[in-house]
Every structure is written in structure tokens, then in C-alpha cells.
């Protein structure tokens, strides 16, 4: 199972994105757990995940999260505005899979 954490500022928009990604993952028969949290909660989950997807508006966190995840298998992925802004779960799953190589 691939454990994915999505983060945005408050957790609201990433919550909708996570729901759309879960639907798409189920449609494809992918074994994934996709949760959404606010960026303030990242530290609570970082040791339990395989991938961290960050909302495009939080790009400033990318380097810090890359450093934090160094030495682990966690992939840090900056979501693209073109699918994040319309909450396109299909494109988000495509992006995730292209990075994790599943």
C-alpha cells in the first residue's frame, strides 16, 4: 500500500483533492491511502508516509521537506497548479505515479 499525505494551508482544498484522488485510485484498482492535512501537521505524519504532495501555493516548503525527508524513502512532490486548481484527481494520480514509479 502506498501511503500519501497531501498538504495545503488549512487542509480544506487538499481534502477535496484527496477525495478525488481516492476515487481515481479506486477506479484504477490502486492500493493507496490518501489523506489530507494542514501544513502545520506534516511532522506528525512524516514517518508514516511514502509520498508527500504539497499544494503549489506552498512551494516555499519544498526544500525544507526535501531536507526533512532525506535518508527516508518519502518522495516530496510539488503538485502542479493546472490540476490542483481544478482538483483533478486523475492528473494528480498520474503525477504521483510518475514520481513514485508504481
PDB file of N, CA and C in Angstrom:
ATOM      1  N   UNK A   1       0.842  -1.188   0.000  1.00  0.00           N
ATOM      2  CA  UNK A   1       0.000   0.000   0.000  1.00  0.00           C
ATOM      3  C   UNK A   1       0.880   1.242   0.000  1.00  0.00           C
ATOM      4  N   UNK A   2       0.496   2.196  -0.818  1.00  0.00           N
ATOM      5  CA  UNK A   2       1.190   3.476  -0.899  1.00  0.00           C
ATOM      6  C   UNK A   2       0.452   4.459   0.002  1.00  0.00           C
ATOM      7  N   UNK A   3       1.164   5.032   0.965  1.00  0.00           N
ATOM      8  CA  UNK A   3       0.573   5.968   1.909  1.00  0.00           C
ATOM      9  C   UNK A   3       0.968   7.382   1.503  1.00  0.00           C
ATOM     10  N   UNK A   4      -0.031   8.195   1.132  1.00  0.00           N
ATOM     11  CA  UNK A   4       0.210   9.530   0.575  1.00  0.00           C
ATOM     12  C   UNK A   4      -0.422  10.585   1.472  1.00  0.00           C
ATOM     13  N   UNK A   5       0.340  11.638   1.751  1.00  0.00           N
ATOM     14  CA  UNK A   5      -0.173  12.769   2.515  1.00  0.00           C
ATOM     15  C   UNK A   5      -0.186  14.002   1.625  1.00  0.00           C
ATOM     16  N   UNK A   6      -1.334  14.647   1.545  1.00  0.00           N
ATOM     17  CA  UNK A   6      -1.478  15.902   0.806  1.00  0.00           C
ATOM     18  C   UNK A   6      -1.546  17.027   1.819  1.00  0.00           C
ATOM     19  N   UNK A   7      -0.855  18.129   1.532  1.00  0.00           N
ATOM     20  CA  UNK A   7      -0.938  19.279   2.431  1.00  0.00           C
ATOM     21  C   UNK A   7      -1.212  20.560   1.656  1.00  0.00           C
ATOM     22  N   UNK A   8      -2.015  21.408   2.287  1.00  0.00           N
ATOM     23  CA  UNK A   8      -2.236  22.762   1.789  1.00  0.00           C
ATOM     24  C   UNK A   8      -2.189  23.643   3.025  1.00  0.00           C
ATOM     25  N   UNK A   9      -2.626  24.847   2.945  1.00  0.00           N
ATOM     26  CA  UNK A   9      -2.557  25.743   4.098  1.00  0.00           C
ATOM     27  C   UNK A   9      -3.377  25.256   5.275  1.00  0.00           C
ATOM     28  N   UNK A  10      -4.672  25.083   5.085  1.00  0.00           N
ATOM     29  CA  UNK A  10      -5.556  24.710   6.186  1.00  0.00           C
ATOM     30  C   UNK A  10      -6.007  23.260   6.122  1.00  0.00           C
ATOM     31  N   UNK A  11      -5.814  22.604   4.988  1.00  0.00           N
ATOM     32  CA  UNK A  11      -6.264  21.225   4.835  1.00  0.00           C
ATOM     33  C   UNK A  11      -7.574  21.104   4.079  1.00  0.00           C
ATOM     34  N   UNK A  12      -8.223  22.228   3.771  1.00  0.00           N
ATOM     35  CA  UNK A  12      -9.536  22.183   3.112  1.00  0.00           C
ATOM     36  C   UNK A  12      -9.431  21.782   1.641  1.00  0.00           C
ATOM     37  N   UNK A  13      -8.674  22.543   0.851  1.00  0.00           N
ATOM     38  CA  UNK A  13      -8.600  22.213  -0.575  1.00  0.00           C
ATOM     39  C   UNK A  13      -7.898  20.881  -0.797  1.00  0.00           C
ATOM     40  N   UNK A  14      -6.904  20.561   0.025  1.00  0.00           N
ATOM     41  CA  UNK A  14      -6.249  19.262  -0.125  1.00  0.00           C
ATOM     42  C   UNK A  14      -7.205  18.139   0.254  1.00  0.00           C
ATOM     43  N   UNK A  15      -8.164  18.420   1.120  1.00  0.00           N
ATOM     44  CA  UNK A  15      -9.186  17.425   1.477  1.00  0.00           C
ATOM     45  C   UNK A  15     -10.035  17.056   0.274  1.00  0.00           C
ATOM     46  N   UNK A  16     -10.441  18.053  -0.497  1.00  0.00           N
ATOM     47  CA  UNK A  16     -11.209  17.791  -1.717  1.00  0.00           C
ATOM     48  C   UNK A  16     -10.356  17.054  -2.739  1.00  0.00           C
ATOM     49  N   UNK A  17      -9.096  17.468  -2.864  1.00  0.00           N
ATOM     50  CA  UNK A  17      -8.187  16.807  -3.809  1.00  0.00           C
ATOM     51  C   UNK A  17      -7.975  15.354  -3.396  1.00  0.00           C
ATOM     52  N   UNK A  18      -7.783  15.109  -2.112  1.00  0.00           N
ATOM     53  CA  UNK A  18      -7.578  13.746  -1.627  1.00  0.00           C
ATOM     54  C   UNK A  18      -8.792  12.869  -1.949  1.00  0.00           C
ATOM     55  N   UNK A  19      -9.985  13.410  -1.760  1.00  0.00           N
ATOM     56  CA  UNK A  19     -11.201  12.651  -2.068  1.00  0.00           C
ATOM     57  C   UNK A  19     -11.245  12.286  -3.546  1.00  0.00           C
ATOM     58  N   UNK A  20     -10.905  13.242  -4.409  1.00  0.00           N
ATOM     59  CA  UNK A  20     -10.902  12.977  -5.849  1.00  0.00           C
ATOM     60  C   UNK A  20      -9.817  11.973  -6.223  1.00  0.00           C
ATOM     61  N   UNK A  21      -8.676  12.041  -5.559  1.00  0.00           N
ATOM     62  CA  UNK A  21      -7.603  11.082  -5.826  1.00  0.00           C
ATOM     63  C   UNK A  21      -7.985   9.683  -5.345  1.00  0.00           C
ATOM     64  N   UNK A  22      -8.664   9.601  -4.196  1.00  0.00           N
ATOM     65  CA  UNK A  22      -9.115   8.280  -3.698  1.00  0.00           C
ATOM     66  C   UNK A  22     -10.080   7.639  -4.680  1.00  0.00           C
ATOM     67  N   UNK A  23     -10.992   8.438  -5.231  1.00  0.00           N
ATOM     68  CA  UNK A  23     -11.939   7.909  -6.231  1.00  0.00           C
ATOM     69  C   UNK A  23     -11.192   7.371  -7.449  1.00  0.00           C
ATOM     70  N   UNK A  24     -10.216   8.136  -7.918  1.00  0.00           N
ATOM     71  CA  UNK A  24      -9.442   7.737  -9.092  1.00  0.00           C
ATOM     72  C   UNK A  24      -8.607   6.493  -8.805  1.00  0.00           C
ATOM     73  N   UNK A  25      -7.991   6.438  -7.630  1.00  0.00           N
ATOM     74  CA  UNK A  25      -7.184   5.269  -7.251  1.00  0.00           C
ATOM     75  C   UNK A  25      -8.062   4.019  -7.192  1.00  0.00           C
ATOM     76  N   UNK A  26      -9.262   4.147  -6.636  1.00  0.00           N
ATOM     77  CA  UNK A  26     -10.195   3.016  -6.558  1.00  0.00           C
ATOM     78  C   UNK A  26     -10.606   2.568  -7.952  1.00  0.00           C
ATOM     79  N   UNK A  27     -10.862   3.536  -8.823  1.00  0.00           N
ATOM     80  CA  UNK A  27     -11.254   3.228 -10.197  1.00  0.00           C
ATOM     81  C   UNK A  27     -10.161   2.428 -10.911  1.00  0.00           C
ATOM     82  N   UNK A  28      -8.908   2.746 -10.601  1.00  0.00           N
ATOM     83  CA  UNK A  28      -7.769   2.065 -11.230  1.00  0.00           C
ATOM     84  C   UNK A  28      -7.336   0.801 -10.484  1.00  0.00           C
ATOM     85  N   UNK A  29      -7.961   0.543  -9.335  1.00  0.00           N
ATOM     86  CA  UNK A  29      -7.584  -0.624  -8.550  1.00  0.00           C
ATOM     87  C   UNK A  29      -6.242  -0.474  -7.853  1.00  0.00           C
ATOM     88  N   UNK A  30      -5.860   0.764  -7.529  1.00  0.00           N
ATOM     89  CA  UNK A  30      -4.580   1.027  -6.866  1.00  0.00           C
ATOM     90  C   UNK A  30      -4.742   0.933  -5.351  1.00  0.00           C
ATOM     91  N   UNK A  31      -3.767   0.353  -4.688  1.00  0.00           N
ATOM     92  CA  UNK A  31      -3.781   0.214  -3.239  1.00  0.00           C
ATOM     93  C   UNK A  31      -3.098   1.423  -2.619  1.00  0.00           C
ATOM     94  N   UNK A  32      -3.895   2.436  -2.280  1.00  0.00           N
ATOM     95  CA  UNK A  32      -3.356   3.685  -1.744  1.00  0.00           C
ATOM     96  C   UNK A  32      -4.191   4.177  -0.579  1.00  0.00           C
ATOM     97  N   UNK A  33      -3.502   4.769   0.370  1.00  0.00           N
ATOM     98  CA  UNK A  33      -4.176   5.502   1.440  1.00  0.00           C
ATOM     99  C   UNK A  33      -3.797   6.960   1.221  1.00  0.00           C
ATOM    100  N   UNK A  34      -4.786   7.802   0.964  1.00  0.00           N
ATOM    101  CA  UNK A  34      -4.534   9.208   0.644  1.00  0.00           C
ATOM    102  C   UNK A  34      -5.254  10.058   1.682  1.00  0.00           C
ATOM    103  N   UNK A  35      -4.464  10.811   2.456  1.00  0.00           N
ATOM    104  CA  UNK A  35      -5.042  11.670   3.481  1.00  0.00           C
ATOM    105  C   UNK A  35      -4.600  13.113   3.245  1.00  0.00           C
ATOM    106  N   UNK A  36      -5.352  14.026   3.821  1.00  0.00           N
ATOM    107  CA  UNK A  36      -5.046  15.455   3.683  1.00  0.00           C
ATOM    108  C   UNK A  36      -4.963  16.085   5.065  1.00  0.00           C
ATOM    109  N   UNK A  37      -3.991  16.946   5.224  1.00  0.00           N
ATOM    110  CA  UNK A  37      -3.798  17.660   6.487  1.00  0.00           C
ATOM    111  C   UNK A  37      -3.312  19.069   6.179  1.00  0.00           C
ATOM    112  N   UNK A  38      -3.311  19.908   7.206  1.00  0.00           N
ATOM    113  CA  UNK A  38      -2.738  21.244   7.022  1.00  0.00           C
ATOM    114  C   UNK A  38      -1.223  21.126   7.117  1.00  0.00           C
ATOM    115  N   UNK A  39      -0.533  22.111   6.569  1.00  0.00           N
ATOM    116  CA  UNK A  39       0.933  22.041   6.555  1.00  0.00           C
ATOM    117  C   UNK A  39       1.509  22.034   7.966  1.00  0.00           C
ATOM    118  N   UNK A  40       0.780  22.528   8.937  1.00  0.00           N
ATOM    119  CA  UNK A  40       1.278  22.544  10.315  1.00  0.00           C
ATOM    120  C   UNK A  40       1.343  21.143  10.928  1.00  0.00           C
ATOM    121  N   UNK A  41       0.688  20.163  10.284  1.00  0.00           N
ATOM    122  CA  UNK A  41       0.649  18.803  10.822  1.00  0.00           C
ATOM    123  C   UNK A  41       1.628  17.836  10.149  1.00  0.00           C
ATOM    124  N   UNK A  42       2.426  18.318   9.202  1.00  0.00           N
ATOM    125  CA  UNK A  42       3.322  17.440   8.445  1.00  0.00           C
ATOM    126  C   UNK A  42       4.184  16.581   9.370  1.00  0.00           C
ATOM    127  N   UNK A  43       4.775  17.202  10.366  1.00  0.00           N
ATOM    128  CA  UNK A  43       5.690  16.474  11.264  1.00  0.00           C
ATOM    129  C   UNK A  43       5.030  15.281  11.941  1.00  0.00           C
ATOM    130  N   UNK A  44       3.726  15.365  12.187  1.00  0.00           N
ATOM    131  CA  UNK A  44       3.019  14.269  12.853  1.00  0.00           C
ATOM    132  C   UNK A  44       2.894  13.024  11.983  1.00  0.00           C
ATOM    133  N   UNK A  45       3.035  13.180  10.673  1.00  0.00           N
ATOM    134  CA  UNK A  45       2.763  12.072   9.746  1.00  0.00           C
ATOM    135  C   UNK A  45       3.965  11.654   8.912  1.00  0.00           C
ATOM    136  N   UNK A  46       5.030  12.416   8.949  1.00  0.00           N
ATOM    137  CA  UNK A  46       6.145  12.223   8.015  1.00  0.00           C
ATOM    138  C   UNK A  46       6.761  10.825   8.107  1.00  0.00           C
ATOM    139  N   UNK A  47       6.735  10.213   9.281  1.00  0.00           N
ATOM    140  CA  UNK A  47       7.344   8.889   9.439  1.00  0.00           C
ATOM    141  C   UNK A  47       6.423   7.756   8.999  1.00  0.00           C
ATOM    142  N   UNK A  48       5.183   8.085   8.621  1.00  0.00           N
ATOM    143  CA  UNK A  48       4.206   7.052   8.259  1.00  0.00           C
ATOM    144  C   UNK A  48       3.880   7.035   6.769  1.00  0.00           C
ATOM    145  N   UNK A  49       4.514   7.915   5.981  1.00  0.00           N
ATOM    146  CA  UNK A  49       4.090   8.066   4.594  1.00  0.00           C
ATOM    147  C   UNK A  49       5.165   7.660   3.591  1.00  0.00           C
ATOM    148  N   UNK A  50       4.713   7.423   2.364  1.00  0.00           N
ATOM    149  CA  UNK A  50       5.610   7.112   1.249  1.00  0.00           C
ATOM    150  C   UNK A  50       5.791   8.322   0.334  1.00  0.00           C
ATOM    151  N   UNK A  51       4.778   9.189   0.304  1.00  0.00           N
ATOM    152  CA  UNK A  51       4.828  10.368  -0.561  1.00  0.00           C
ATOM    153  C   UNK A  51       4.133  11.534   0.129  1.00  0.00           C
ATOM    154  N   UNK A  52       4.731  12.718  -0.045  1.00  0.00           N
ATOM    155  CA  UNK A  52       4.170  13.955   0.477  1.00  0.00           C
ATOM    156  C   UNK A  52       3.897  14.857  -0.714  1.00  0.00           C
ATOM    157  N   UNK A  53       2.622  15.160  -0.940  1.00  0.00           N
ATOM    158  CA  UNK A  53       2.244  16.041  -2.042  1.00  0.00           C
ATOM    159  C   UNK A  53       1.862  17.397  -1.455  1.00  0.00           C
ATOM    160  N   UNK A  54       2.558  18.428  -1.922  1.00  0.00           N
ATOM    161  CA  UNK A  54       2.406  19.779  -1.389  1.00  0.00           C
ATOM    162  C   UNK A  54       1.641  20.638  -2.389  1.00  0.00           C
ATOM    163  N   UNK A  55       0.657  21.392  -1.888  1.00  0.00           N
ATOM    164  CA  UNK A  55      -0.076  22.325  -2.743  1.00  0.00           C
ATOM    165  C   UNK A  55       0.875  23.315  -3.387  1.00  0.00           C
ATOM    166  N   UNK A  56       0.613  23.712  -4.637  1.00  0.00           N
ATOM    167  CA  UNK A  56       1.529  24.599  -5.361  1.00  0.00           C
ATOM    168  C   UNK A  56       1.782  25.931  -4.667  1.00  0.00           C
ATOM    169  N   UNK A  57       0.815  26.405  -3.896  1.00  0.00           N
ATOM    170  CA  UNK A  57       0.976  27.670  -3.182  1.00  0.00           C
ATOM    171  C   UNK A  57       1.929  27.539  -1.990  1.00  0.00           C
ATOM    172  N   UNK A  58       2.340  26.315  -1.664  1.00  0.00           N
ATOM    173  CA  UNK A  58       3.281  26.079  -0.563  1.00  0.00           C
ATOM    174  C   UNK A  58       4.662  25.686  -1.089  1.00  0.00           C
ATOM    175  N   UNK A  59       4.984  26.153  -2.278  1.00  0.00           N
ATOM    176  CA  UNK A  59       6.263  25.805  -2.904  1.00  0.00           C
ATOM    177  C   UNK A  59       7.451  26.114  -1.988  1.00  0.00           C
ATOM    178  N   UNK A  60       7.307  27.149  -1.178  1.00  0.00           N
ATOM    179  CA  UNK A  60       8.390  27.533  -0.266  1.00  0.00           C
ATOM    180  C   UNK A  60       8.752  26.421   0.729  1.00  0.00           C
ATOM    181  N   UNK A  61       7.855  25.459   0.933  1.00  0.00           N
ATOM    182  CA  UNK A  61       8.110  24.345   1.852  1.00  0.00           C
ATOM    183  C   UNK A  61       8.885  23.194   1.203  1.00  0.00           C
ATOM    184  N   UNK A  62       8.960  23.197  -0.119  1.00  0.00           N
ATOM    185  CA  UNK A  62       9.510  22.048  -0.831  1.00  0.00           C
ATOM    186  C   UNK A  62      10.937  21.710  -0.385  1.00  0.00           C
ATOM    187  N   UNK A  63      11.837  22.679  -0.372  1.00  0.00           N
ATOM    188  CA  UNK A  63      13.231  22.411   0.010  1.00  0.00           C
ATOM    189  C   UNK A  63      13.336  21.921   1.451  1.00  0.00           C
ATOM    190  N   UNK A  64      12.578  22.565   2.327  1.00  0.00           N
ATOM    191  CA  UNK A  64      12.586  22.175   3.738  1.00  0.00           C
ATOM    192  C   UNK A  64      12.106  20.723   3.902  1.00  0.00           C
ATOM    193  N   UNK A  65      11.073  20.348   3.175  1.00  0.00           N
ATOM    194  CA  UNK A  65      10.547  18.989   3.267  1.00  0.00           C
ATOM    195  C   UNK A  65      11.494  17.970   2.631  1.00  0.00           C
ATOM    196  N   UNK A  66      12.151  18.373   1.539  1.00  0.00           N
ATOM    197  CA  UNK A  66      13.166  17.502   0.916  1.00  0.00           C
ATOM    198  C   UNK A  66      14.260  17.193   1.942  1.00  0.00           C
ATOM    199  N   UNK A  67      14.710  18.241   2.654  1.00  0.00           N
ATOM    200  CA  UNK A  67      15.740  18.049   3.682  1.00  0.00           C
ATOM    201  C   UNK A  67      15.239  17.152   4.798  1.00  0.00           C
ATOM    202  N   UNK A  68      14.017  17.401   5.247  1.00  0.00           N
ATOM    203  CA  UNK A  68      13.433  16.628   6.348  1.00  0.00           C
ATOM    204  C   UNK A  68      13.307  15.156   5.973  1.00  0.00           C
ATOM    205  N   UNK A  69      13.041  14.878   4.703  1.00  0.00           N
ATOM    206  CA  UNK A  69      12.814  13.506   4.250  1.00  0.00           C
ATOM    207  C   UNK A  69      14.092  12.826   3.758  1.00  0.00           C
ATOM    208  N   UNK A  70      15.206  13.549   3.798  1.00  0.00           N
ATOM    209  CA  UNK A  70      16.476  12.973   3.364  1.00  0.00           C
ATOM    210  C   UNK A  70      16.790  11.746   4.209  1.00  0.00           C
ATOM    211  N   UNK A  71      17.234  10.685   3.550  1.00  0.00           N
ATOM    212  CA  UNK A  71      17.548   9.460   4.270  1.00  0.00           C
ATOM    213  C   UNK A  71      16.347   8.558   4.481  1.00  0.00           C
ATOM    214  N   UNK A  72      15.175   9.002   4.006  1.00  0.00           N
ATOM    215  CA  UNK A  72      13.970   8.166   4.062  1.00  0.00           C
ATOM    216  C   UNK A  72      13.559   7.855   2.623  1.00  0.00           C
ATOM    217  N   UNK A  73      12.544   7.048   2.477  1.00  0.00           N
ATOM    218  CA  UNK A  73      12.033   6.735   1.141  1.00  0.00           C
ATOM    219  C   UNK A  73      10.896   7.660   0.725  1.00  0.00           C
ATOM    220  N   UNK A  74      10.601   8.676   1.537  1.00  0.00           N
ATOM    221  CA  UNK A  74       9.487   9.584   1.245  1.00  0.00           C
ATOM    222  C   UNK A  74       9.808  10.446   0.029  1.00  0.00           C
ATOM    223  N   UNK A  75       8.894  10.424  -0.943  1.00  0.00           N
ATOM    224  CA  UNK A  75       9.017  11.282  -2.126  1.00  0.00           C
ATOM    225  C   UNK A  75       8.244  12.570  -1.855  1.00  0.00           C
ATOM    226  N   UNK A  76       8.906  13.698  -2.069  1.00  0.00           N
ATOM    227  CA  UNK A  76       8.261  15.004  -1.904  1.00  0.00           C
ATOM    228  C   UNK A  76       7.869  15.500  -3.297  1.00  0.00           C
ATOM    229  N   UNK A  77       6.584  15.778  -3.466  1.00  0.00           N
ATOM    230  CA  UNK A  77       6.056  16.149  -4.782  1.00  0.00           C
ATOM    231  C   UNK A  77       5.313  17.478  -4.665  1.00  0.00           C
ATOM    232  N   UNK A  78       5.742  18.447  -5.451  1.00  0.00           N
ATOM    233  CA  UNK A  78       5.025  19.719  -5.518  1.00  0.00           C
ATOM    234  C   UNK A  78       3.926  19.560  -6.563  1.00  0.00           C
ATOM    235  N   UNK A  79       2.671  19.655  -6.112  1.00  0.00           N
ATOM    236  CA  UNK A  79       1.555  19.494  -7.044  1.00  0.00           C
ATOM    237  C   UNK A  79       1.553  20.632  -8.058  1.00  0.00           C
ATOM    238  N   UNK A  80       1.074  20.323  -9.245  1.00  0.00           N
ATOM    239  CA  UNK A  80       1.058  21.315 -10.324  1.00  0.00           C
ATOM    240  C   UNK A  80      -0.242  22.123 -10.285  1.00  0.00           C
ATOM    241  N   UNK A  81      -0.124  23.443 -10.476  1.00  0.00           N
ATOM    242  CA  UNK A  81      -1.317  24.298 -10.425  1.00  0.00           C
ATOM    243  C   UNK A  81      -2.402  23.889 -11.410  1.00  0.00           C
ATOM    244  N   UNK A  82      -2.000  23.362 -12.582  1.00  0.00           N
ATOM    245  CA  UNK A  82      -3.006  23.050 -13.596  1.00  0.00           C
ATOM    246  C   UNK A  82      -3.983  21.951 -13.175  1.00  0.00           C
ATOM    247  N   UNK A  83      -3.577  21.026 -12.324  1.00  0.00           N
ATOM    248  CA  UNK A  83      -4.564  20.046 -11.841  1.00  0.00           C
ATOM    249  C   UNK A  83      -5.040  20.382 -10.425  1.00  0.00           C
ATOM    250  N   UNK A  84      -4.194  21.021  -9.641  1.00  0.00           N
ATOM    251  CA  UNK A  84      -4.588  21.356  -8.274  1.00  0.00           C
ATOM    252  C   UNK A  84      -5.724  22.373  -8.264  1.00  0.00           C
ATOM    253  N   UNK A  85      -5.644  23.365  -9.132  1.00  0.00           N
ATOM    254  CA  UNK A  85      -6.644  24.440  -9.137  1.00  0.00           C
ATOM    255  C   UNK A  85      -8.038  23.950  -9.502  1.00  0.00           C
ATOM    256  N   UNK A  86      -8.107  22.840 -10.246  1.00  0.00           N
ATOM    257  CA  UNK A  86      -9.417  22.276 -10.619  1.00  0.00           C
ATOM    258  C   UNK A  86      -9.689  20.968  -9.890  1.00  0.00           C
ATOM    259  N   UNK A  87      -8.815  20.627  -8.921  1.00  0.00           N
ATOM    260  CA  UNK A  87      -8.963  19.419  -8.098  1.00  0.00           C
ATOM    261  C   UNK A  87      -9.117  18.158  -8.941  1.00  0.00           C
ATOM    262  N   UNK A  88      -8.276  18.044  -9.974  1.00  0.00           N
ATOM    263  CA  UNK A  88      -8.321  16.910 -10.893  1.00  0.00           C
ATOM    264  C   UNK A  88      -7.554  15.724 -10.303  1.00  0.00           C
ATOM    265  N   UNK A  89      -8.290  14.789  -9.699  1.00  0.00           N
ATOM    266  CA  UNK A  89      -7.689  13.630  -9.059  1.00  0.00           C
ATOM    267  C   UNK A  89      -6.966  12.715 -10.034  1.00  0.00           C
ATOM    268  N   UNK A  90      -7.481  12.612 -11.251  1.00  0.00           N
ATOM    269  CA  UNK A  90      -6.860  11.754 -12.263  1.00  0.00           C
ATOM    270  C   UNK A  90      -5.447  12.235 -12.590  1.00  0.00           C
ATOM    271  N   UNK A  91      -5.307  13.526 -12.855  1.00  0.00           N
ATOM    272  CA  UNK A  91      -3.987  14.082 -13.189  1.00  0.00           C
ATOM    273  C   UNK A  91      -3.042  14.042 -11.976  1.00  0.00           C
ATOM    274  N   UNK A  92      -3.594  14.223 -10.784  1.00  0.00           N
ATOM    275  CA  UNK A  92      -2.779  14.151  -9.572  1.00  0.00           C
ATOM    276  C   UNK A  92      -2.227  12.734  -9.381  1.00  0.00           C
ATOM    277  N   UNK A  93      -3.063  11.727  -9.621  1.00  0.00           N
ATOM    278  CA  UNK A  93      -2.612  10.327  -9.529  1.00  0.00           C
ATOM    279  C   UNK A  93      -1.546  10.053 -10.594  1.00  0.00           C
ATOM    280  N   UNK A  94      -1.766  10.551 -11.806  1.00  0.00           N
ATOM    281  CA  UNK A  94      -0.761  10.386 -12.868  1.00  0.00           C
ATOM    282  C   UNK A  94       0.583  10.963 -12.430  1.00  0.00           C
ATOM    283  N   UNK A  95       0.551  12.168 -11.866  1.00  0.00           N
ATOM    284  CA  UNK A  95       1.777  12.833 -11.415  1.00  0.00           C
ATOM    285  C   UNK A  95       2.437  12.019 -10.290  1.00  0.00           C
ATOM    286  N   UNK A  96       1.644  11.607  -9.323  1.00  0.00           N
ATOM    287  CA  UNK A  96       2.147  10.800  -8.206  1.00  0.00           C
ATOM    288  C   UNK A  96       2.843   9.540  -8.731  1.00  0.00           C
ATOM    289  N   UNK A  97       2.180   8.820  -9.611  1.00  0.00           N
ATOM    290  CA  UNK A  97       2.734   7.559 -10.128  1.00  0.00           C
ATOM    291  C   UNK A  97       3.993   7.801 -10.958  1.00  0.00           C
ATOM    292  N   UNK A  98       4.049   8.924 -11.654  1.00  0.00           N
ATOM    293  CA  UNK A  98       5.246   9.221 -12.446  1.00  0.00           C
ATOM    294  C   UNK A  98       6.463   9.448 -11.551  1.00  0.00           C
ATOM    295  N   UNK A  99       6.236   9.915 -10.336  1.00  0.00           N
ATOM    296  CA  UNK A  99       7.335  10.176  -9.402  1.00  0.00           C
ATOM    297  C   UNK A  99       7.699   8.935  -8.590  1.00  0.00           C
ATOM    298  N   UNK A 100       6.699   8.226  -8.105  1.00  0.00           N
ATOM    299  CA  UNK A 100       6.997   7.065  -7.257  1.00  0.00           C
ATOM    300  C   UNK A 100       7.304   5.812  -8.070  1.00  0.00           C
ATOM    301  N   UNK A 101       6.978   5.853  -9.348  1.00  0.00           N
ATOM    302  CA  UNK A 101       7.313   4.736 -10.219  1.00  0.00           C
ATOM    303  C   UNK A 101       6.523   3.476  -9.980  1.00  0.00           C
ATOM    304  N   UNK A 102       5.296   3.614  -9.541  1.00  0.00           N
ATOM    305  CA  UNK A 102       4.441   2.443  -9.289  1.00  0.00           C
ATOM    306  C   UNK A 102       3.769   2.015 -10.575  1.00  0.00           C
TER     307      UNK A 102
END
